[in-house]
Protein backbone atom coordinates (compact mmCIF):
# COMPACT_ATOMS: atom_id res chain seq x y z
CA SER A 1 -43.07 -67.23 -21.52
CA GLY A 2 -40.23 -69.93 -22.62
CA GLY A 3 -40.00 -68.53 -25.85
CA MET A 4 -39.02 -65.25 -25.01
CA GLN A 5 -36.61 -66.57 -22.63
CA ASP A 6 -35.24 -68.46 -25.28
CA LEU A 7 -35.07 -65.16 -27.59
CA LEU A 8 -33.11 -63.43 -24.86
CA ILE A 9 -30.65 -66.04 -23.88
CA LYS A 10 -29.79 -66.10 -27.97
CA MET A 11 -30.45 -62.15 -28.48
CA ARG A 12 -27.74 -61.45 -25.23
CA PRO A 13 -29.33 -58.00 -24.85
CA ASP A 14 -27.13 -55.27 -23.39
CA ARG A 15 -28.86 -52.34 -24.60
CA LEU A 16 -32.87 -51.21 -24.08
CA GLU A 17 -33.41 -51.37 -27.84
CA ASP A 18 -32.90 -54.94 -27.85
CA LEU A 19 -35.45 -55.39 -25.51
CA ILE A 20 -38.07 -53.33 -27.67
CA ALA A 21 -36.81 -55.09 -30.96
CA ALA A 22 -37.47 -58.44 -28.98
CA ASN A 23 -40.76 -57.27 -27.99
CA ALA A 24 -41.76 -56.27 -31.90
CA LEU A 25 -40.32 -59.58 -33.09
CA TYR A 26 -41.76 -61.92 -30.81
CA ARG A 27 -45.02 -62.29 -32.63
CA PRO A 28 -46.23 -64.56 -35.42
CA GLY A 29 -44.67 -63.46 -38.97
CA PRO A 30 -41.70 -61.49 -37.67
CA MET A 31 -40.78 -64.59 -35.38
CA GLU A 32 -38.85 -65.90 -38.41
CA LEU A 33 -36.66 -62.43 -38.62
CA ILE A 34 -35.24 -63.38 -34.97
CA PRO A 35 -32.21 -65.57 -36.23
CA ALA A 36 -31.27 -63.41 -38.41
CA TYR A 37 -31.08 -60.41 -36.02
CA CYS A 38 -29.31 -62.51 -33.50
CA ASN A 39 -27.01 -63.38 -36.25
CA ARG A 40 -26.64 -59.72 -37.09
CA LYS A 41 -26.17 -58.60 -33.54
CA HIS A 42 -23.42 -60.91 -32.64
CA GLY A 43 -21.37 -60.44 -36.19
CA ARG A 44 -22.18 -64.10 -37.40
CA GLU A 45 -24.14 -62.41 -40.28
CA LYS A 46 -23.03 -59.20 -42.35
CA VAL A 47 -25.75 -56.74 -42.26
CA PRO A 48 -26.90 -55.75 -45.79
CA GLN A 49 -26.20 -52.23 -47.66
CA ILE A 50 -29.21 -51.85 -49.42
CA HIS A 51 -29.09 -47.65 -50.02
CA PRO A 52 -27.23 -45.23 -47.58
CA ILE A 53 -31.10 -44.08 -46.53
CA MET A 54 -32.51 -47.21 -45.92
CA ASP A 55 -29.21 -48.55 -44.05
CA ALA A 56 -29.09 -45.86 -41.57
CA ILE A 57 -33.10 -46.06 -40.77
CA LEU A 58 -32.41 -49.44 -40.01
CA ALA A 59 -29.23 -49.35 -38.29
CA GLU A 60 -30.44 -49.84 -34.82
CA THR A 61 -32.44 -53.12 -36.09
CA TYR A 62 -29.09 -54.13 -37.76
CA GLY A 63 -30.76 -54.20 -41.66
CA ILE A 64 -34.16 -55.75 -40.47
CA MET A 65 -37.77 -53.68 -40.64
CA VAL A 66 -38.80 -54.66 -37.32
CA TYR A 67 -40.99 -51.07 -36.56
CA GLN A 68 -44.23 -49.06 -38.25
CA GLU A 69 -42.36 -46.01 -38.17
CA GLN A 70 -38.79 -47.66 -39.85
CA VAL A 71 -41.31 -48.59 -43.06
CA MET A 72 -43.00 -45.15 -42.78
CA GLN A 73 -39.38 -43.18 -42.90
CA ILE A 74 -38.39 -45.32 -45.75
CA PHE A 75 -41.16 -44.78 -47.61
CA ASN A 76 -40.96 -40.82 -46.48
CA GLN A 77 -37.17 -40.45 -46.77
CA LEU A 78 -36.26 -42.78 -49.86
CA GLY A 79 -39.58 -42.68 -51.80
CA GLY A 80 -40.80 -39.13 -51.28
CA ILE A 81 -43.89 -40.08 -50.09
CA ASP A 82 -45.35 -37.56 -47.72
CA LEU A 83 -45.94 -39.14 -44.00
CA SER A 84 -49.58 -39.12 -43.93
CA ASN A 85 -49.65 -41.42 -47.32
CA ALA A 86 -47.09 -43.60 -45.66
CA TYR A 87 -49.03 -44.13 -43.02
CA LYS A 88 -51.89 -45.12 -45.12
CA LEU A 89 -49.59 -47.50 -46.97
CA ILE A 90 -48.18 -49.08 -43.95
CA LYS A 91 -51.72 -49.98 -42.85
CA ALA A 92 -52.38 -51.26 -46.51
CA ILE A 93 -49.75 -53.43 -46.10
CA SER A 94 -50.65 -54.66 -43.14
CA LYS A 95 -54.18 -55.51 -44.11
CA LYS A 96 -53.12 -56.24 -47.79
CA THR A 97 -55.34 -54.01 -49.64
CA SER A 98 -53.90 -54.44 -52.96
CA ASP A 99 -55.73 -51.39 -54.43
CA VAL A 100 -53.85 -49.16 -52.15
CA ILE A 101 -50.70 -50.71 -52.44
CA ALA A 102 -50.87 -50.49 -56.10
CA LYS A 103 -51.70 -46.39 -55.92
CA PHE A 104 -48.40 -45.89 -54.27
CA ARG A 105 -46.18 -47.98 -56.01
CA PRO A 106 -45.39 -46.06 -58.76
CA ASP A 107 -44.99 -42.95 -56.40
CA PHE A 108 -42.14 -44.72 -54.50
CA VAL A 109 -40.66 -46.21 -57.40
CA LYS A 110 -40.26 -42.63 -58.94
CA GLY A 111 -39.22 -41.38 -55.11
CA THR A 112 -36.43 -43.68 -55.09
CA MET A 113 -35.22 -43.72 -58.83
CA ASP A 114 -34.62 -39.70 -58.04
CA LYS A 115 -32.28 -40.67 -55.20
CA GLY A 116 -30.01 -42.50 -57.65
CA VAL A 117 -31.62 -45.86 -57.49
CA SER A 118 -32.25 -47.78 -60.63
CA LYS A 119 -36.05 -49.15 -61.46
CA GLU A 120 -34.90 -52.84 -61.21
CA ASN A 121 -33.76 -52.15 -57.23
CA ALA A 122 -36.16 -49.40 -56.66
CA GLU A 123 -38.80 -52.24 -57.41
CA GLU A 124 -36.71 -54.99 -55.24
CA ILE A 125 -36.67 -52.53 -52.39
CA PHE A 126 -40.89 -52.14 -52.72
CA GLU A 127 -40.93 -56.23 -52.73
CA LEU A 128 -39.01 -56.44 -50.04
CA ILE A 129 -40.68 -53.46 -47.99
CA LEU A 130 -43.94 -55.63 -48.99
CA LYS A 131 -42.47 -58.88 -47.55
CA PHE A 132 -41.51 -57.96 -44.09
CA GLY A 133 -42.93 -54.12 -43.54
CA GLY A 134 -46.48 -55.88 -43.01
CA TYR A 135 -44.97 -57.43 -39.77
CA GLY A 136 -44.15 -54.09 -38.65
CA PHE A 137 -45.03 -53.27 -35.13
CA ASN A 138 -45.70 -50.01 -33.55
CA LYS A 139 -42.28 -48.82 -31.80
CA SER A 140 -43.85 -46.90 -28.78
CA HIS A 141 -45.84 -49.59 -27.91
CA SER A 142 -42.58 -52.08 -28.09
CA THR A 143 -41.14 -49.45 -25.99
CA ARG A 144 -43.54 -49.26 -23.41
CA TYR A 145 -43.66 -53.51 -22.95
CA SER A 146 -40.05 -53.19 -22.81
CA VAL A 147 -39.82 -50.75 -20.08
CA VAL A 148 -42.38 -52.28 -17.91
CA ALA A 149 -40.60 -55.70 -18.79
CA PHE A 150 -37.23 -54.28 -17.37
CA GLN A 151 -38.29 -52.65 -14.88
CA THR A 152 -40.10 -56.01 -13.49
CA ALA A 153 -37.42 -57.99 -13.92
CA TYR A 154 -35.46 -55.69 -12.04
CA LEU A 155 -37.32 -55.64 -8.95
CA LYS A 156 -38.18 -59.21 -9.38
CA THR A 157 -34.47 -59.85 -8.96
CA TYR A 158 -33.41 -57.79 -6.40
CA HIS A 159 -36.53 -57.29 -4.31
CA PRO A 160 -37.96 -60.89 -4.58
CA ILE A 161 -39.98 -60.81 -1.51
CA GLU A 162 -41.54 -56.88 -1.84
CA TYR A 163 -41.96 -58.04 -5.85
CA GLN A 164 -43.84 -61.42 -5.08
CA ALA A 165 -45.75 -60.06 -1.70
CA ALA A 166 -47.08 -57.43 -4.28
CA LEU A 167 -48.00 -59.98 -6.99
CA LEU A 168 -49.89 -62.48 -4.79
CA THR A 169 -51.57 -59.27 -3.02
CA TYR A 170 -52.70 -58.23 -6.82
CA GLU A 171 -53.94 -61.58 -7.96
CA MET A 172 -55.59 -62.20 -4.08
CA GLY A 173 -58.84 -62.66 -6.00
CA ASN A 174 -57.68 -65.17 -8.96
CA THR A 175 -57.18 -68.73 -7.74
CA GLU A 176 -55.71 -70.07 -10.95
CA LYS A 177 -53.01 -67.16 -10.91
CA LEU A 178 -52.62 -67.24 -7.05
CA VAL A 179 -51.89 -71.39 -7.30
CA GLU A 180 -49.34 -70.76 -10.21
CA TYR A 181 -47.58 -67.52 -8.34
CA ILE A 182 -47.28 -69.44 -5.17
CA ASP A 183 -45.52 -71.92 -6.79
CA GLU A 184 -43.25 -69.70 -8.47
CA THR A 185 -42.62 -67.78 -4.83
CA ARG A 186 -41.75 -71.24 -3.45
CA SER A 187 -39.12 -72.18 -6.52
CA MET A 188 -37.64 -68.86 -5.61
CA LYS A 189 -36.82 -69.95 -2.05
CA VAL A 190 -39.46 -66.95 -0.64
CA ASN A 191 -41.08 -68.35 2.26
């Protein structure tokens, strides 16, 4: 899409992890985090240091909670919540199930305090998770989409005739798509 193309131009991905993050961020909600990701990636904005455990978990995404797995790791490694409950908590946050969130909040705060974090900072971290953790996307899904997108872009770039022929053959029964792809094929200067 035009929006994803714009994101990739701003991001200038140079590793598969950037494509994975782009797929996870390009959704309603997390889109607001795209400028921070790009700015931090290119050194225009400093990556905030919150806690060494949390910083290590979020290093790949420049301090931004992008994936559900990251949020679960924060709950587990920083807050001392076992992974099965961390999974329940991340689902509760995404569905805004306040009773489940309230149930685990004291455990997270206590577990974080056991790691040397003040109660006030532990509460701030939990609030940060509530604000951005609900946007978390499953990394394995984003990874698969990114690999397929990369393979598709590679084939379309380096084997345009074969790629367009396969695409047109696949869409032969869908007139609307066929017209769109024929126009695209012509714009690529493929007869």
